[in-house]
Amino acid sequence: MHTTTRTNMSLRSLLLLAVCSLAIASEWSFTGGKATLARKGDPEGSSLSFGPDKPFPSAIPLAARDVLKLQFTLTDGENTGRPHQAFLLVTDPETDLETFYPLSVKGNSGRAKVDLTHKDLPSHLLSASTLSLSLALGDNTLPSGSIIPLGSIAPTIDASAKTALEKQRATDLGEGVGAFGPKREILHVFREDAKSPPKTITLAFLASVVVAYLALFGAWFPLLGANLKHLPKALQAAPMSHSLFLVSLVALEGLFFMYYTSWNLFQLLGGVSVVGLTAFLSGSRALREVRARRERGER
């Protein structure tokens, strides 16, 4: 009975602590806001102060060569710090189009800044009469982030630049034309398989190869001194080497014939790697045997 009571008291204590922690959970905000508008020829510019409850008193005009510098100190309750996310939101109130710029936060001191110029604004926002500025701060330890209104700016542009911006806006947003729609069907055309040359050309090359072989064998005996009487001695001295070498030469021709009729290049390379290695090993041993006979004066 005492154990149950103590358990209930412990659960109540944990619930109370959880409620209290949620009640005192702080939100991200900022202090010491300062907006400086630097103009050409006046690098120091004019400054004004703002805060979470004190936005800009009026829209700040931003010319083409002006730089709006915003500085503030980020706070988490009474402590300064660095949130996981800190952005400056720039929104067009008429169209609800917006863009954002990350803040430059210095360490855990909370000191942050961001600069805004005409070059930073896209065309569909730069052509607006006024733009609202807000500070978006978020942290993964808090249930929700903070969006704090800062005030507004009024981009000022001349007539010629405004006309160019309107055209660019129409191009970017697709105004006046169909921005979205089905594309025409893409037809994939694959390359046709390589065709064999005409039979007449193939037979002509085959005939030239046969003639070359006949000429080689014809010149072998009278000019190169071939002697078939040594064939039994060669087969007796190295039967395996001579046999494999002759068979591998014939097999190479058979592989090329198969490649011409039905095989692909990968099949040919696989067969040539095996047959070629066999021809190299057996041919080297066969030539050793021929060299030994020639050293004995047998030709």
C-alpha atoms as a PDB file:
ATOM      1  CA  MET A   1       0.000   0.000   0.000  1.00  0.00           C
ATOM      2  CA  HIS A   2       2.830   2.398   0.844  1.00  0.00           C
ATOM      3  CA  THR A   3       4.608   1.430  -2.370  1.00  0.00           C
ATOM      4  CA  THR A   4       1.553   2.301  -4.451  1.00  0.00           C
ATOM      5  CA  THR A   5       1.204   5.668  -2.742  1.00  0.00           C
ATOM      6  CA  ARG A   6       4.845   6.526  -3.299  1.00  0.00           C
ATOM      7  CA  THR A   7       4.569   5.525  -6.947  1.00  0.00           C
ATOM      8  CA  ASN A   8       1.552   7.753  -7.452  1.00  0.00           C
ATOM      9  CA  MET A   9       3.374  10.656  -5.797  1.00  0.00           C
ATOM     10  CA  SER A  10       6.378  10.126  -8.084  1.00  0.00           C
ATOM     11  CA  LEU A  11       4.182  10.155 -11.179  1.00  0.00           C
ATOM     12  CA  ARG A  12       2.451  13.298  -9.986  1.00  0.00           C
ATOM     13  CA  SER A  13       5.815  14.949  -9.396  1.00  0.00           C
ATOM     14  CA  LEU A  14       7.015  14.088 -12.910  1.00  0.00           C
ATOM     15  CA  LEU A  15       3.804  15.390 -14.459  1.00  0.00           C
ATOM     16  CA  LEU A  16       4.076  18.575 -12.448  1.00  0.00           C
ATOM     17  CA  LEU A  17       7.655  19.108 -13.550  1.00  0.00           C
ATOM     18  CA  ALA A  18       6.704  18.516 -17.191  1.00  0.00           C
ATOM     19  CA  VAL A  19       3.850  21.033 -16.980  1.00  0.00           C
ATOM     20  CA  CYS A  20       6.111  23.573 -15.297  1.00  0.00           C
ATOM     21  CA  SER A  21       8.820  23.113 -17.933  1.00  0.00           C
ATOM     22  CA  LEU A  22       6.282  23.692 -20.694  1.00  0.00           C
ATOM     23  CA  ALA A  23       4.939  26.733 -18.885  1.00  0.00           C
ATOM     24  CA  ILE A  24       8.357  28.355 -18.596  1.00  0.00           C
ATOM     25  CA  ALA A  25       9.487  27.301 -22.096  1.00  0.00           C
ATOM     26  CA  SER A  26      10.854  30.387 -23.759  1.00  0.00           C
ATOM     27  CA  GLU A  27      10.597  31.572 -27.324  1.00  0.00           C
ATOM     28  CA  TRP A  28      13.259  32.958 -29.600  1.00  0.00           C
ATOM     29  CA  SER A  29      13.218  36.714 -30.000  1.00  0.00           C
ATOM     30  CA  PHE A  30      15.716  39.552 -30.340  1.00  0.00           C
ATOM     31  CA  THR A  31      16.806  42.790 -28.732  1.00  0.00           C
ATOM     32  CA  GLY A  32      18.721  45.868 -29.816  1.00  0.00           C
ATOM     33  CA  GLY A  33      17.442  45.928 -33.384  1.00  0.00           C
ATOM     34  CA  LYS A  34      19.122  48.508 -35.614  1.00  0.00           C
ATOM     35  CA  ALA A  35      18.373  49.266 -39.279  1.00  0.00           C
ATOM     36  CA  THR A  36      20.937  51.270 -41.257  1.00  0.00           C
ATOM     37  CA  LEU A  37      20.240  52.508 -44.777  1.00  0.00           C
ATOM     38  CA  ALA A  38      23.550  53.175 -46.527  1.00  0.00           C
ATOM     39  CA  ARG A  39      23.377  55.251 -49.703  1.00  0.00           C
ATOM     40  CA  LYS A  40      25.953  55.976 -52.380  1.00  0.00           C
ATOM     41  CA  GLY A  41      28.166  58.813 -51.204  1.00  0.00           C
ATOM     42  CA  ASP A  42      26.976  58.389 -47.609  1.00  0.00           C
ATOM     43  CA  PRO A  43      28.441  55.099 -46.298  1.00  0.00           C
ATOM     44  CA  GLU A  44      27.277  55.758 -42.726  1.00  0.00           C
ATOM     45  CA  GLY A  45      23.691  56.393 -43.838  1.00  0.00           C
ATOM     46  CA  SER A  46      20.728  56.873 -41.549  1.00  0.00           C
ATOM     47  CA  SER A  47      19.776  54.524 -38.737  1.00  0.00           C
ATOM     48  CA  LEU A  48      16.712  53.705 -36.688  1.00  0.00           C
ATOM     49  CA  SER A  49      15.998  51.339 -33.825  1.00  0.00           C
ATOM     50  CA  PHE A  50      13.344  48.639 -33.772  1.00  0.00           C
ATOM     51  CA  GLY A  51      12.277  45.730 -31.625  1.00  0.00           C
ATOM     52  CA  PRO A  52       9.800  42.845 -31.442  1.00  0.00           C
ATOM     53  CA  ASP A  53       7.056  45.203 -30.263  1.00  0.00           C
ATOM     54  CA  LYS A  54       8.380  48.242 -32.138  1.00  0.00           C
ATOM     55  CA  PRO A  55       8.537  47.697 -35.935  1.00  0.00           C
ATOM     56  CA  PHE A  56       9.667  50.284 -38.454  1.00  0.00           C
ATOM     57  CA  PRO A  57       7.526  53.424 -38.122  1.00  0.00           C
ATOM     58  CA  SER A  58       7.118  53.569 -41.902  1.00  0.00           C
ATOM     59  CA  ALA A  59       8.242  51.788 -45.048  1.00  0.00           C
ATOM     60  CA  ILE A  60      11.959  52.270 -45.646  1.00  0.00           C
ATOM     61  CA  PRO A  61      12.657  53.348 -49.264  1.00  0.00           C
ATOM     62  CA  LEU A  62      15.282  51.151 -50.903  1.00  0.00           C
ATOM     63  CA  ALA A  63      16.864  52.560 -54.070  1.00  0.00           C
ATOM     64  CA  ALA A  64      18.886  50.644 -56.640  1.00  0.00           C
ATOM     65  CA  ARG A  65      22.248  51.415 -55.028  1.00  0.00           C
ATOM     66  CA  ASP A  66      21.136  51.411 -51.396  1.00  0.00           C
ATOM     67  CA  VAL A  67      22.069  48.792 -48.824  1.00  0.00           C
ATOM     68  CA  LEU A  68      19.747  48.046 -45.906  1.00  0.00           C
ATOM     69  CA  LYS A  69      21.745  46.613 -42.995  1.00  0.00           C
ATOM     70  CA  LEU A  70      19.833  44.926 -40.181  1.00  0.00           C
ATOM     71  CA  GLN A  71      21.542  44.113 -36.869  1.00  0.00           C
ATOM     72  CA  PHE A  72      20.139  42.608 -33.663  1.00  0.00           C
ATOM     73  CA  THR A  73      20.912  40.220 -30.826  1.00  0.00           C
ATOM     74  CA  LEU A  74      19.003  36.927 -30.759  1.00  0.00           C
ATOM     75  CA  THR A  75      17.669  35.823 -27.370  1.00  0.00           C
ATOM     76  CA  ASP A  76      16.176  32.679 -25.938  1.00  0.00           C
ATOM     77  CA  GLY A  77      14.238  34.020 -23.004  1.00  0.00           C
ATOM     78  CA  GLU A  78      16.746  35.986 -20.954  1.00  0.00           C
ATOM     79  CA  ASN A  79      19.806  34.362 -22.547  1.00  0.00           C
ATOM     80  CA  THR A  80      21.480  35.128 -25.829  1.00  0.00           C
ATOM     81  CA  GLY A  81      22.192  32.250 -28.169  1.00  0.00           C
ATOM     82  CA  ARG A  82      22.138  30.862 -31.650  1.00  0.00           C
ATOM     83  CA  PRO A  83      18.977  29.156 -32.951  1.00  0.00           C
ATOM     84  CA  HIS A  84      19.121  26.272 -35.353  1.00  0.00           C
ATOM     85  CA  GLN A  85      17.275  28.322 -37.966  1.00  0.00           C
ATOM     86  CA  ALA A  86      17.362  32.090 -38.450  1.00  0.00           C
ATOM     87  CA  PHE A  87      16.036  33.732 -41.609  1.00  0.00           C
ATOM     88  CA  LEU A  88      14.817  37.085 -42.868  1.00  0.00           C
ATOM     89  CA  LEU A  89      11.512  36.640 -44.721  1.00  0.00           C
ATOM     90  CA  VAL A  90      10.664  39.118 -47.489  1.00  0.00           C
ATOM     91  CA  THR A  91       7.002  38.898 -48.532  1.00  0.00           C
ATOM     92  CA  ASP A  92       4.805  40.673 -51.068  1.00  0.00           C
ATOM     93  CA  PRO A  93       1.509  41.324 -49.195  1.00  0.00           C
ATOM     94  CA  GLU A  94      -0.508  41.458 -52.427  1.00  0.00           C
ATOM     95  CA  THR A  95       0.567  38.109 -53.908  1.00  0.00           C
ATOM     96  CA  ASP A  96       1.926  36.322 -50.797  1.00  0.00           C
ATOM     97  CA  LEU A  97       5.071  35.526 -52.760  1.00  0.00           C
ATOM     98  CA  GLU A  98       8.135  35.455 -50.547  1.00  0.00           C
ATOM     99  CA  THR A  99      11.821  34.691 -50.355  1.00  0.00           C
ATOM    100  CA  PHE A 100      14.217  34.308 -47.444  1.00  0.00           C
ATOM    101  CA  TYR A 101      17.805  35.135 -46.534  1.00  0.00           C
ATOM    102  CA  PRO A 102      19.808  33.358 -43.810  1.00  0.00           C
ATOM    103  CA  LEU A 103      21.159  35.489 -40.991  1.00  0.00           C
ATOM    104  CA  SER A 104      24.853  35.687 -40.232  1.00  0.00           C
ATOM    105  CA  VAL A 105      25.067  34.796 -36.524  1.00  0.00           C
ATOM    106  CA  LYS A 106      28.355  35.223 -34.669  1.00  0.00           C
ATOM    107  CA  GLY A 107      28.946  32.216 -32.405  1.00  0.00           C
ATOM    108  CA  ASN A 108      26.721  31.861 -29.344  1.00  0.00           C
ATOM    109  CA  SER A 109      26.723  35.596 -28.647  1.00  0.00           C
ATOM    110  CA  GLY A 110      23.460  35.954 -30.558  1.00  0.00           C
ATOM    111  CA  ARG A 111      24.719  38.905 -32.594  1.00  0.00           C
ATOM    112  CA  ALA A 112      23.222  38.588 -36.061  1.00  0.00           C
ATOM    113  CA  LYS A 113      23.082  40.677 -39.201  1.00  0.00           C
ATOM    114  CA  VAL A 114      21.839  40.594 -42.778  1.00  0.00           C
ATOM    115  CA  ASP A 115      22.165  42.957 -45.739  1.00  0.00           C
ATOM    116  CA  LEU A 116      19.461  43.589 -48.338  1.00  0.00           C
ATOM    117  CA  THR A 117      19.931  45.206 -51.758  1.00  0.00           C
ATOM    118  CA  HIS A 118      18.124  45.307 -55.095  1.00  0.00           C
ATOM    119  CA  LYS A 119      20.411  42.568 -56.405  1.00  0.00           C
ATOM    120  CA  ASP A 120      19.233  40.235 -53.659  1.00  0.00           C
ATOM    121  CA  LEU A 121      15.536  40.588 -54.532  1.00  0.00           C
ATOM    122  CA  PRO A 122      14.006  38.547 -57.376  1.00  0.00           C
ATOM    123  CA  SER A 123      12.180  40.421 -60.117  1.00  0.00           C
ATOM    124  CA  HIS A 124       8.682  39.378 -58.987  1.00  0.00           C
ATOM    125  CA  LEU A 125       9.343  40.977 -55.568  1.00  0.00           C
ATOM    126  CA  LEU A 126      11.370  43.963 -56.674  1.00  0.00           C
ATOM    127  CA  SER A 127       8.476  45.284 -58.765  1.00  0.00           C
ATOM    128  CA  ALA A 128       6.114  45.335 -55.746  1.00  0.00           C
ATOM    129  CA  SER A 129       5.163  48.640 -54.126  1.00  0.00           C
ATOM    130  CA  THR A 130       5.960  47.464 -50.585  1.00  0.00           C
ATOM    131  CA  LEU A 131       7.547  44.338 -49.099  1.00  0.00           C
ATOM    132  CA  SER A 132       7.041  43.070 -45.573  1.00  0.00           C
ATOM    133  CA  LEU A 133      10.059  41.987 -43.523  1.00  0.00           C
ATOM    134  CA  SER A 134       9.806  39.326 -40.828  1.00  0.00           C
ATOM    135  CA  LEU A 135      12.280  37.423 -38.708  1.00  0.00           C
ATOM    136  CA  ALA A 136      11.850  33.620 -38.613  1.00  0.00           C
ATOM    137  CA  LEU A 137      13.584  31.873 -35.705  1.00  0.00           C
ATOM    138  CA  GLY A 138      13.327  28.191 -34.855  1.00  0.00           C
ATOM    139  CA  ASP A 139      14.896  25.558 -32.646  1.00  0.00           C
ATOM    140  CA  ASN A 140      14.428  21.804 -32.416  1.00  0.00           C
ATOM    141  CA  THR A 141      14.004  22.052 -28.640  1.00  0.00           C
ATOM    142  CA  LEU A 142      10.851  24.193 -28.899  1.00  0.00           C
ATOM    143  CA  PRO A 143       7.428  23.031 -30.113  1.00  0.00           C
ATOM    144  CA  SER A 144       7.095  25.952 -32.553  1.00  0.00           C
ATOM    145  CA  GLY A 145       9.201  28.721 -34.010  1.00  0.00           C
ATOM    146  CA  SER A 146       8.836  32.484 -33.911  1.00  0.00           C
ATOM    147  CA  ILE A 147       7.913  34.794 -36.770  1.00  0.00           C
ATOM    148  CA  ILE A 148       8.397  38.412 -35.701  1.00  0.00           C
ATOM    149  CA  PRO A 149       7.285  41.258 -38.007  1.00  0.00           C
ATOM    150  CA  LEU A 150       9.953  43.933 -38.460  1.00  0.00           C
ATOM    151  CA  GLY A 151       8.240  46.386 -40.783  1.00  0.00           C
ATOM    152  CA  SER A 152       8.293  47.007 -44.518  1.00  0.00           C
ATOM    153  CA  ILE A 153      10.460  48.407 -47.280  1.00  0.00           C
ATOM    154  CA  ALA A 154       9.508  50.186 -50.498  1.00  0.00           C
ATOM    155  CA  PRO A 155      11.764  49.380 -53.460  1.00  0.00           C
ATOM    156  CA  THR A 156      12.170  52.474 -55.629  1.00  0.00           C
ATOM    157  CA  ILE A 157      13.032  52.057 -59.305  1.00  0.00           C
ATOM    158  CA  ASP A 158      12.861  54.354 -62.332  1.00  0.00           C
ATOM    159  CA  ALA A 159      10.352  53.969 -65.157  1.00  0.00           C
ATOM    160  CA  SER A 160      12.656  52.166 -67.612  1.00  0.00           C
ATOM    161  CA  ALA A 161      13.837  49.683 -65.003  1.00  0.00           C
ATOM    162  CA  LYS A 162      10.242  49.088 -63.905  1.00  0.00           C
ATOM    163  CA  THR A 163       9.209  48.192 -67.470  1.00  0.00           C
ATOM    164  CA  ALA A 164      12.073  45.711 -67.740  1.00  0.00           C
ATOM    165  CA  LEU A 165      11.113  44.223 -64.357  1.00  0.00           C
ATOM    166  CA  GLU A 166       7.503  43.773 -65.432  1.00  0.00           C
ATOM    167  CA  LYS A 167       8.649  41.844 -68.501  1.00  0.00           C
ATOM    168  CA  GLN A 168      10.976  39.726 -66.393  1.00  0.00           C
ATOM    169  CA  ARG A 169       8.170  39.135 -63.882  1.00  0.00           C
ATOM    170  CA  ALA A 170       5.893  37.918 -66.677  1.00  0.00           C
ATOM    171  CA  THR A 171       8.646  35.571 -67.839  1.00  0.00           C
ATOM    172  CA  ASP A 172       9.410  34.231 -64.353  1.00  0.00           C
ATOM    173  CA  LEU A 173       5.796  33.712 -63.288  1.00  0.00           C
ATOM    174  CA  GLY A 174       4.383  32.771 -66.678  1.00  0.00           C
ATOM    175  CA  GLU A 175       1.863  35.605 -66.733  1.00  0.00           C
ATOM    176  CA  GLY A 176       0.011  35.892 -70.019  1.00  0.00           C
ATOM    177  CA  VAL A 177       1.257  32.489 -71.232  1.00  0.00           C
ATOM    178  CA  GLY A 178       0.665  28.918 -70.224  1.00  0.00           C
ATOM    179  CA  ALA A 179       3.224  28.386 -67.507  1.00  0.00           C
ATOM    180  CA  PHE A 180       2.223  24.773 -66.990  1.00  0.00           C
ATOM    181  CA  GLY A 181       0.929  22.297 -69.505  1.00  0.00           C
ATOM    182  CA  PRO A 182       1.552  18.894 -71.050  1.00  0.00           C
ATOM    183  CA  LYS A 183       4.670  18.461 -73.105  1.00  0.00           C
ATOM    184  CA  ARG A 184       4.626  16.683 -76.422  1.00  0.00           C
ATOM    185  CA  GLU A 185       5.276  12.972 -76.351  1.00  0.00           C
ATOM    186  CA  ILE A 186       8.904  11.935 -76.336  1.00  0.00           C
ATOM    187  CA  LEU A 187       9.556   9.113 -78.781  1.00  0.00           C
ATOM    188  CA  HIS A 188      12.665   7.129 -78.029  1.00  0.00           C
ATOM    189  CA  VAL A 189      14.404   6.026 -81.218  1.00  0.00           C
ATOM    190  CA  PHE A 190      17.062   3.446 -80.597  1.00  0.00           C
ATOM    191  CA  ARG A 191      19.957   2.954 -82.956  1.00  0.00           C
ATOM    192  CA  GLU A 192      19.510   0.111 -85.359  1.00  0.00           C
ATOM    193  CA  ASP A 193      21.770  -2.914 -85.146  1.00  0.00           C
ATOM    194  CA  ALA A 194      24.852  -2.864 -87.288  1.00  0.00           C
ATOM    195  CA  LYS A 195      24.255  -4.519 -90.633  1.00  0.00           C
ATOM    196  CA  SER A 196      26.641  -6.927 -92.282  1.00  0.00           C
ATOM    197  CA  PRO A 197      28.248  -5.809 -95.532  1.00  0.00           C
ATOM    198  CA  PRO A 198      26.866  -7.140 -98.819  1.00  0.00           C
ATOM    199  CA  LYS A 199      27.672 -10.741 -99.680  1.00  0.00           C
ATOM    200  CA  THR A 200      29.655  -9.754-102.737  1.00  0.00           C
ATOM    201  CA  ILE A 201      32.123  -7.728-100.656  1.00  0.00           C
ATOM    202  CA  THR A 202      32.347 -10.510 -98.094  1.00  0.00           C
ATOM    203  CA  LEU A 203      33.057 -13.141-100.753  1.00  0.00           C
ATOM    204  CA  ALA A 204      35.659 -10.884-102.354  1.00  0.00           C
ATOM    205  CA  PHE A 205      37.543 -10.531 -99.055  1.00  0.00           C
ATOM    206  CA  LEU A 206      37.183 -14.272 -98.401  1.00  0.00           C
ATOM    207  CA  ALA A 207      38.650 -15.036-101.801  1.00  0.00           C
ATOM    208  CA  SER A 208      41.569 -12.690-101.159  1.00  0.00           C
ATOM    209  CA  VAL A 209      42.301 -14.417 -97.849  1.00  0.00           C
ATOM    210  CA  VAL A 210      42.158 -17.883 -99.467  1.00  0.00           C
ATOM    211  CA  VAL A 211      44.455 -16.734-102.253  1.00  0.00           C
ATOM    212  CA  ALA A 212      46.891 -15.330 -99.704  1.00  0.00           C
ATOM    213  CA  TYR A 213      46.938 -18.666 -97.853  1.00  0.00           C
ATOM    214  CA  LEU A 214      47.488 -20.587-101.085  1.00  0.00           C
ATOM    215  CA  ALA A 215      50.297 -18.248-102.061  1.00  0.00           C
ATOM    216  CA  LEU A 216      51.865 -18.675 -98.619  1.00  0.00           C
ATOM    217  CA  PHE A 217      51.742 -22.448 -98.780  1.00  0.00           C
ATOM    218  CA  GLY A 218      52.886 -22.354-102.376  1.00  0.00           C
ATOM    219  CA  ALA A 219      55.973 -20.326-101.458  1.00  0.00           C
ATOM    220  CA  TRP A 220      56.595 -22.288 -98.299  1.00  0.00           C
ATOM    221  CA  PHE A 221      58.005 -25.381 -99.970  1.00  0.00           C
ATOM    222  CA  PRO A 222      60.173 -24.049-102.834  1.00  0.00           C
ATOM    223  CA  LEU A 223      61.310 -20.751-101.246  1.00  0.00           C
ATOM    224  CA  LEU A 224      61.295 -21.337 -97.482  1.00  0.00           C
ATOM    225  CA  GLY A 225      62.458 -24.930 -97.621  1.00  0.00           C
ATOM    226  CA  ALA A 226      59.569 -26.626 -95.896  1.00  0.00           C
ATOM    227  CA  ASN A 227      60.079 -30.332 -95.258  1.00  0.00           C
ATOM    228  CA  LEU A 228      57.074 -32.451 -94.305  1.00  0.00           C
ATOM    229  CA  LYS A 229      59.380 -35.432 -93.615  1.00  0.00           C
ATOM    230  CA  HIS A 230      60.164 -33.877 -90.217  1.00  0.00           C
ATOM    231  CA  LEU A 231      56.483 -33.855 -89.215  1.00  0.00           C
ATOM    232  CA  PRO A 232      56.628 -37.327 -87.584  1.00  0.00           C
ATOM    233  CA  LYS A 233      59.743 -36.294 -85.636  1.00  0.00           C
ATOM    234  CA  ALA A 234      58.107 -33.073 -84.481  1.00  0.00           C
ATOM    235  CA  LEU A 235      54.953 -34.857 -83.349  1.00  0.00           C
ATOM    236  CA  GLN A 236      57.042 -37.522 -81.636  1.00  0.00           C
ATOM    237  CA  ALA A 237      59.203 -34.943 -79.778  1.00  0.00           C
ATOM    238  CA  ALA A 238      56.388 -32.601 -78.730  1.00  0.00           C
ATOM    239  CA  PRO A 239      53.037 -34.056 -79.722  1.00  0.00           C
ATOM    240  CA  MET A 240      50.890 -31.935 -77.398  1.00  0.00           C
ATOM    241  CA  SER A 241      52.526 -28.607 -78.234  1.00  0.00           C
ATOM    242  CA  HIS A 242      52.365 -28.982 -82.021  1.00  0.00           C
ATOM    243  CA  SER A 243      48.828 -30.358 -81.961  1.00  0.00           C
ATOM    244  CA  LEU A 244      47.461 -27.630 -79.666  1.00  0.00           C
ATOM    245  CA  PHE A 245      49.223 -24.906 -81.651  1.00  0.00           C
ATOM    246  CA  LEU A 246      47.722 -26.029 -84.979  1.00  0.00           C
ATOM    247  CA  VAL A 247      44.285 -26.552 -83.419  1.00  0.00           C
ATOM    248  CA  SER A 248      44.350 -23.095 -81.766  1.00  0.00           C
ATOM    249  CA  LEU A 249      45.178 -21.424 -85.110  1.00  0.00           C
ATOM    250  CA  VAL A 250      42.210 -23.131 -86.728  1.00  0.00           C
ATOM    251  CA  ALA A 251      40.035 -22.280 -83.701  1.00  0.00           C
ATOM    252  CA  LEU A 252      40.891 -18.583 -84.051  1.00  0.00           C
ATOM    253  CA  GLU A 253      39.556 -18.590 -87.588  1.00  0.00           C
ATOM    254  CA  GLY A 254      36.450 -20.383 -86.326  1.00  0.00           C
ATOM    255  CA  LEU A 255      35.914 -17.715 -83.657  1.00  0.00           C
ATOM    256  CA  PHE A 256      36.032 -14.944 -86.246  1.00  0.00           C
ATOM    257  CA  PHE A 257      33.550 -16.886 -88.352  1.00  0.00           C
ATOM    258  CA  MET A 258      31.185 -17.166 -85.389  1.00  0.00           C
ATOM    259  CA  TYR A 259      31.556 -13.436 -84.713  1.00  0.00           C
ATOM    260  CA  TYR A 260      30.660 -12.683 -88.292  1.00  0.00           C
ATOM    261  CA  THR A 261      27.577 -14.924 -88.265  1.00  0.00           C
ATOM    262  CA  SER A 262      26.027 -14.751 -84.775  1.00  0.00           C
ATOM    263  CA  TRP A 263      28.332 -13.791 -81.889  1.00  0.00           C
ATOM    264  CA  ASN A 264      28.751 -10.358 -80.364  1.00  0.00           C
ATOM    265  CA  LEU A 265      32.011  -8.636 -79.469  1.00  0.00           C
ATOM    266  CA  PHE A 266      32.036  -9.785 -75.825  1.00  0.00           C
ATOM    267  CA  GLN A 267      31.632 -13.428 -76.827  1.00  0.00           C
ATOM    268  CA  LEU A 268      34.453 -13.050 -79.339  1.00  0.00           C
ATOM    269  CA  LEU A 269      36.792 -11.471 -76.787  1.00  0.00           C
ATOM    270  CA  GLY A 270      36.101 -14.261 -74.301  1.00  0.00           C
ATOM    271  CA  GLY A 271      36.869 -16.962 -76.844  1.00  0.00           C
ATOM    272  CA  VAL A 272      39.970 -15.178 -78.178  1.00  0.00           C
ATOM    273  CA  SER A 273      41.367 -14.780 -74.654  1.00  0.00           C
ATOM    274  CA  VAL A 274      41.198 -18.538 -74.076  1.00  0.00           C
ATOM    275  CA  VAL A 275      42.332 -19.672 -77.532  1.00  0.00           C
ATOM    276  CA  GLY A 276      45.009 -16.973 -77.768  1.00  0.00           C
ATOM    277  CA  LEU A 277      46.558 -18.011 -74.450  1.00  0.00           C
ATOM    278  CA  THR A 278      46.565 -21.635 -75.582  1.00  0.00           C
ATOM    279  CA  ALA A 279      48.235 -20.676 -78.873  1.00  0.00           C
ATOM    280  CA  PHE A 280      50.891 -18.636 -77.064  1.00  0.00           C
ATOM    281  CA  LEU A 281      51.849 -21.372 -74.595  1.00  0.00           C
ATOM    282  CA  SER A 282      51.738 -24.263 -77.053  1.00  0.00           C
ATOM    283  CA  GLY A 283      53.425 -22.237 -79.812  1.00  0.00           C
ATOM    284  CA  SER A 284      56.380 -21.287 -77.599  1.00  0.00           C
ATOM    285  CA  ARG A 285      56.980 -24.953 -76.724  1.00  0.00           C
ATOM    286  CA  ALA A 286      56.607 -25.997 -80.369  1.00  0.00           C
ATOM    287  CA  LEU A 287      59.158 -23.411 -81.471  1.00  0.00           C
ATOM    288  CA  ARG A 288      61.608 -24.698 -78.854  1.00  0.00           C
ATOM    289  CA  GLU A 289      61.355 -28.131 -80.400  1.00  0.00           C
ATOM    290  CA  VAL A 290      61.908 -26.703 -83.920  1.00  0.00           C
ATOM    291  CA  ARG A 291      64.928 -24.734 -82.704  1.00  0.00           C
ATOM    292  CA  ALA A 292      66.427 -27.876 -81.131  1.00  0.00           C
ATOM    293  CA  ARG A 293      66.165 -29.771 -84.438  1.00  0.00           C
ATOM    294  CA  ARG A 294      67.704 -26.900 -86.392  1.00  0.00           C
ATOM    295  CA  GLU A 295      70.623 -26.734 -83.978  1.00  0.00           C
ATOM    296  CA  ARG A 296      71.237 -30.414 -84.787  1.00  0.00           C
ATOM    297  CA  GLY A 297      71.308 -29.518 -88.474  1.00  0.00           C
ATOM    298  CA  GLU A 298      67.959 -31.094 -89.328  1.00  0.00           C
ATOM    299  CA  ARG A 299      66.004 -28.986 -91.829  1.00  0.00           C
END
